[in-house]
């Protein structure tokens, strides 16, 4: 995930949501998290999920781990 030479990395887990695609859900997660978490250095998509209605995907969701250095 995150690469540092010395120190520590904190990892948080969030869910990104999009009506467009799984890729957009990842972007949404990163965009929203970066508003309050500074210095994000990596992410890992843990799980893909979706809401379905009338045999169509209505909402794309991704469970994401985000890493950032502890200062």
N, C-alpha and C. Protein backbone atom coordinates (compact mmCIF):
# COMPACT_ATOMS: atom_id res chain seq x y z
N UNK A 1 0.84 -1.18 0.00
CA UNK A 1 0.00 0.00 0.00
C UNK A 1 0.89 1.24 0.00
N UNK A 2 1.23 1.78 1.17
CA UNK A 2 2.05 2.99 1.23
C UNK A 2 3.50 2.59 1.49
N UNK A 3 4.42 3.31 0.88
CA UNK A 3 5.83 3.02 1.08
C UNK A 3 6.48 4.17 1.83
N UNK A 4 7.04 3.87 2.98
CA UNK A 4 7.83 4.85 3.72
C UNK A 4 9.10 4.15 4.20
N UNK A 5 10.15 4.93 4.44
CA UNK A 5 11.40 4.34 4.89
C UNK A 5 11.42 4.15 6.40
N UNK A 6 10.94 5.13 7.14
CA UNK A 6 10.89 5.07 8.60
C UNK A 6 9.59 5.68 9.08
N UNK A 7 9.13 5.25 10.24
CA UNK A 7 7.93 5.84 10.81
C UNK A 7 6.78 4.86 10.85
N UNK A 8 5.60 5.39 10.59
CA UNK A 8 4.39 4.57 10.66
C UNK A 8 3.36 5.06 9.66
N UNK A 9 2.48 4.16 9.27
CA UNK A 9 1.42 4.48 8.34
C UNK A 9 0.09 4.13 9.01
N UNK A 10 -0.87 5.03 8.91
CA UNK A 10 -2.22 4.76 9.41
C UNK A 10 -3.08 4.31 8.23
N UNK A 11 -3.94 3.34 8.47
CA UNK A 11 -4.84 2.83 7.43
C UNK A 11 -6.28 2.99 7.92
N UNK A 12 -7.10 3.61 7.08
CA UNK A 12 -8.52 3.73 7.38
C UNK A 12 -9.31 3.02 6.29
N UNK A 13 -10.52 2.65 6.60
CA UNK A 13 -11.36 1.93 5.64
C UNK A 13 -12.65 2.71 5.43
N UNK A 14 -12.97 2.96 4.17
CA UNK A 14 -14.20 3.69 3.83
C UNK A 14 -14.88 3.00 2.65
N UNK A 15 -16.10 3.44 2.35
CA UNK A 15 -16.84 2.92 1.20
C UNK A 15 -17.12 4.08 0.26
N UNK A 16 -16.68 3.95 -0.99
CA UNK A 16 -16.96 4.92 -2.04
C UNK A 16 -18.21 4.51 -2.79
N UNK A 17 -19.01 5.49 -3.19
CA UNK A 17 -20.31 5.22 -3.83
C UNK A 17 -20.43 6.04 -5.10
N UNK A 18 -20.94 5.41 -6.17
CA UNK A 18 -21.14 6.11 -7.44
C UNK A 18 -22.34 5.52 -8.18
N UNK A 19 -22.99 6.35 -8.95
CA UNK A 19 -24.06 5.87 -9.82
C UNK A 19 -23.52 5.55 -11.21
N UNK A 20 -22.21 5.79 -11.44
CA UNK A 20 -21.61 5.61 -12.77
C UNK A 20 -20.88 4.29 -12.95
N UNK A 21 -19.91 3.99 -12.05
CA UNK A 21 -19.07 2.81 -12.25
C UNK A 21 -18.29 2.50 -10.97
N UNK A 22 -17.67 1.31 -10.94
CA UNK A 22 -16.79 0.95 -9.83
C UNK A 22 -15.57 1.88 -9.80
N UNK A 23 -15.01 2.18 -10.97
CA UNK A 23 -13.86 3.09 -11.02
C UNK A 23 -14.21 4.45 -10.45
N UNK A 24 -15.38 4.95 -10.77
CA UNK A 24 -15.80 6.24 -10.24
C UNK A 24 -16.03 6.17 -8.73
N UNK A 25 -16.50 5.04 -8.25
CA UNK A 25 -16.68 4.88 -6.80
C UNK A 25 -15.34 4.96 -6.08
N UNK A 26 -14.28 4.41 -6.67
CA UNK A 26 -12.94 4.52 -6.09
C UNK A 26 -12.50 5.98 -6.08
N UNK A 27 -12.72 6.67 -7.20
CA UNK A 27 -12.37 8.09 -7.28
C UNK A 27 -13.14 8.92 -6.26
N UNK A 28 -14.42 8.60 -6.07
CA UNK A 28 -15.24 9.31 -5.09
C UNK A 28 -14.70 9.10 -3.68
N UNK A 29 -14.32 7.87 -3.37
CA UNK A 29 -13.76 7.57 -2.05
C UNK A 29 -12.49 8.39 -1.81
N UNK A 30 -11.61 8.42 -2.79
CA UNK A 30 -10.36 9.17 -2.66
C UNK A 30 -10.63 10.67 -2.57
N UNK A 31 -11.52 11.18 -3.40
CA UNK A 31 -11.85 12.60 -3.40
C UNK A 31 -12.43 13.04 -2.06
N UNK A 32 -13.40 12.30 -1.57
CA UNK A 32 -14.05 12.67 -0.31
C UNK A 32 -13.09 12.55 0.86
N UNK A 33 -12.31 11.47 0.91
CA UNK A 33 -11.37 11.28 2.02
C UNK A 33 -10.28 12.33 2.02
N UNK A 34 -9.80 12.71 0.84
CA UNK A 34 -8.70 13.68 0.78
C UNK A 34 -9.11 15.08 1.24
N UNK A 35 -10.41 15.33 1.38
CA UNK A 35 -10.87 16.62 1.90
C UNK A 35 -10.53 16.76 3.39
N UNK A 36 -10.45 15.63 4.11
CA UNK A 36 -10.15 15.70 5.54
C UNK A 36 -8.88 14.94 5.94
N UNK A 37 -8.41 14.05 5.07
CA UNK A 37 -7.19 13.29 5.36
C UNK A 37 -6.10 13.77 4.42
N UNK A 38 -5.02 14.26 4.98
CA UNK A 38 -3.93 14.80 4.16
C UNK A 38 -2.83 13.76 3.96
N UNK A 39 -2.22 13.77 2.80
CA UNK A 39 -1.05 12.94 2.54
C UNK A 39 -1.34 11.49 2.22
N UNK A 40 -2.50 11.20 1.64
CA UNK A 40 -2.82 9.82 1.27
C UNK A 40 -1.76 9.33 0.27
N UNK A 41 -1.16 8.17 0.58
CA UNK A 41 -0.08 7.66 -0.26
C UNK A 41 -0.43 6.38 -1.00
N UNK A 42 -1.55 5.76 -0.66
CA UNK A 42 -1.92 4.53 -1.35
C UNK A 42 -3.32 4.10 -0.99
N UNK A 43 -3.85 3.19 -1.80
CA UNK A 43 -5.17 2.63 -1.50
C UNK A 43 -5.24 1.20 -1.98
N UNK A 44 -6.14 0.46 -1.35
CA UNK A 44 -6.40 -0.93 -1.72
C UNK A 44 -7.90 -1.12 -1.80
N UNK A 45 -8.38 -1.60 -2.94
CA UNK A 45 -9.80 -1.92 -3.07
C UNK A 45 -10.00 -3.31 -2.46
N UNK A 46 -10.80 -3.36 -1.40
CA UNK A 46 -11.00 -4.59 -0.66
C UNK A 46 -12.17 -5.39 -1.22
N UNK A 47 -13.25 -4.68 -1.59
CA UNK A 47 -14.46 -5.38 -2.03
C UNK A 47 -15.26 -4.50 -2.98
N UNK A 48 -15.89 -5.14 -3.97
CA UNK A 48 -16.83 -4.48 -4.87
C UNK A 48 -18.24 -4.91 -4.48
N UNK A 49 -19.18 -3.95 -4.46
CA UNK A 49 -20.57 -4.24 -4.14
C UNK A 49 -21.45 -3.42 -5.07
N UNK A 50 -22.71 -3.78 -5.18
CA UNK A 50 -23.63 -3.00 -6.01
C UNK A 50 -25.06 -3.16 -5.52
N UNK A 51 -25.83 -2.11 -5.73
CA UNK A 51 -27.28 -2.18 -5.49
C UNK A 51 -27.94 -2.42 -6.83
N UNK A 52 -28.97 -3.25 -6.84
CA UNK A 52 -29.63 -3.64 -8.08
C UNK A 52 -31.12 -3.37 -7.99
N UNK A 53 -31.69 -2.86 -9.08
CA UNK A 53 -33.13 -2.65 -9.18
C UNK A 53 -33.57 -2.97 -10.61
N UNK A 54 -34.60 -3.74 -10.76
CA UNK A 54 -35.10 -4.15 -12.08
C UNK A 54 -33.99 -4.74 -12.95
N UNK A 55 -33.18 -5.60 -12.34
CA UNK A 55 -32.09 -6.30 -13.04
C UNK A 55 -31.01 -5.36 -13.58
N UNK A 56 -30.90 -4.16 -13.02
CA UNK A 56 -29.87 -3.21 -13.44
C UNK A 56 -29.14 -2.69 -12.22
N UNK A 57 -27.84 -2.47 -12.37
CA UNK A 57 -27.06 -1.88 -11.29
C UNK A 57 -27.44 -0.42 -11.16
N UNK A 58 -27.82 -0.03 -9.96
CA UNK A 58 -28.21 1.36 -9.72
C UNK A 58 -27.13 2.13 -8.95
N UNK A 59 -26.38 1.42 -8.11
CA UNK A 59 -25.34 2.06 -7.33
C UNK A 59 -24.13 1.13 -7.23
N UNK A 60 -22.96 1.67 -7.55
CA UNK A 60 -21.70 0.94 -7.45
C UNK A 60 -21.03 1.35 -6.14
N UNK A 61 -20.50 0.36 -5.41
CA UNK A 61 -19.85 0.64 -4.14
C UNK A 61 -18.54 -0.12 -4.07
N UNK A 62 -17.53 0.51 -3.47
CA UNK A 62 -16.25 -0.15 -3.25
C UNK A 62 -15.80 0.10 -1.81
N UNK A 63 -15.36 -0.94 -1.19
CA UNK A 63 -14.76 -0.83 0.14
C UNK A 63 -13.27 -0.61 -0.08
N UNK A 64 -12.73 0.47 0.44
CA UNK A 64 -11.35 0.88 0.15
C UNK A 64 -10.58 1.12 1.44
N UNK A 65 -9.32 0.66 1.47
CA UNK A 65 -8.40 0.99 2.55
C UNK A 65 -7.49 2.09 2.02
N UNK A 66 -7.37 3.18 2.78
CA UNK A 66 -6.51 4.28 2.41
C UNK A 66 -5.37 4.38 3.42
N UNK A 67 -4.16 4.63 2.92
CA UNK A 67 -2.98 4.73 3.79
C UNK A 67 -2.39 6.12 3.72
N UNK A 68 -1.92 6.59 4.88
CA UNK A 68 -1.24 7.88 4.95
C UNK A 68 -0.26 7.86 6.12
N UNK A 69 0.83 8.61 6.00
CA UNK A 69 1.85 8.57 7.06
C UNK A 69 1.35 9.24 8.34
N UNK A 70 1.79 8.68 9.47
CA UNK A 70 1.52 9.28 10.76
C UNK A 70 2.64 10.27 11.03
N UNK A 71 2.26 11.51 11.29
CA UNK A 71 3.28 12.54 11.51
C UNK A 71 3.56 12.75 12.98
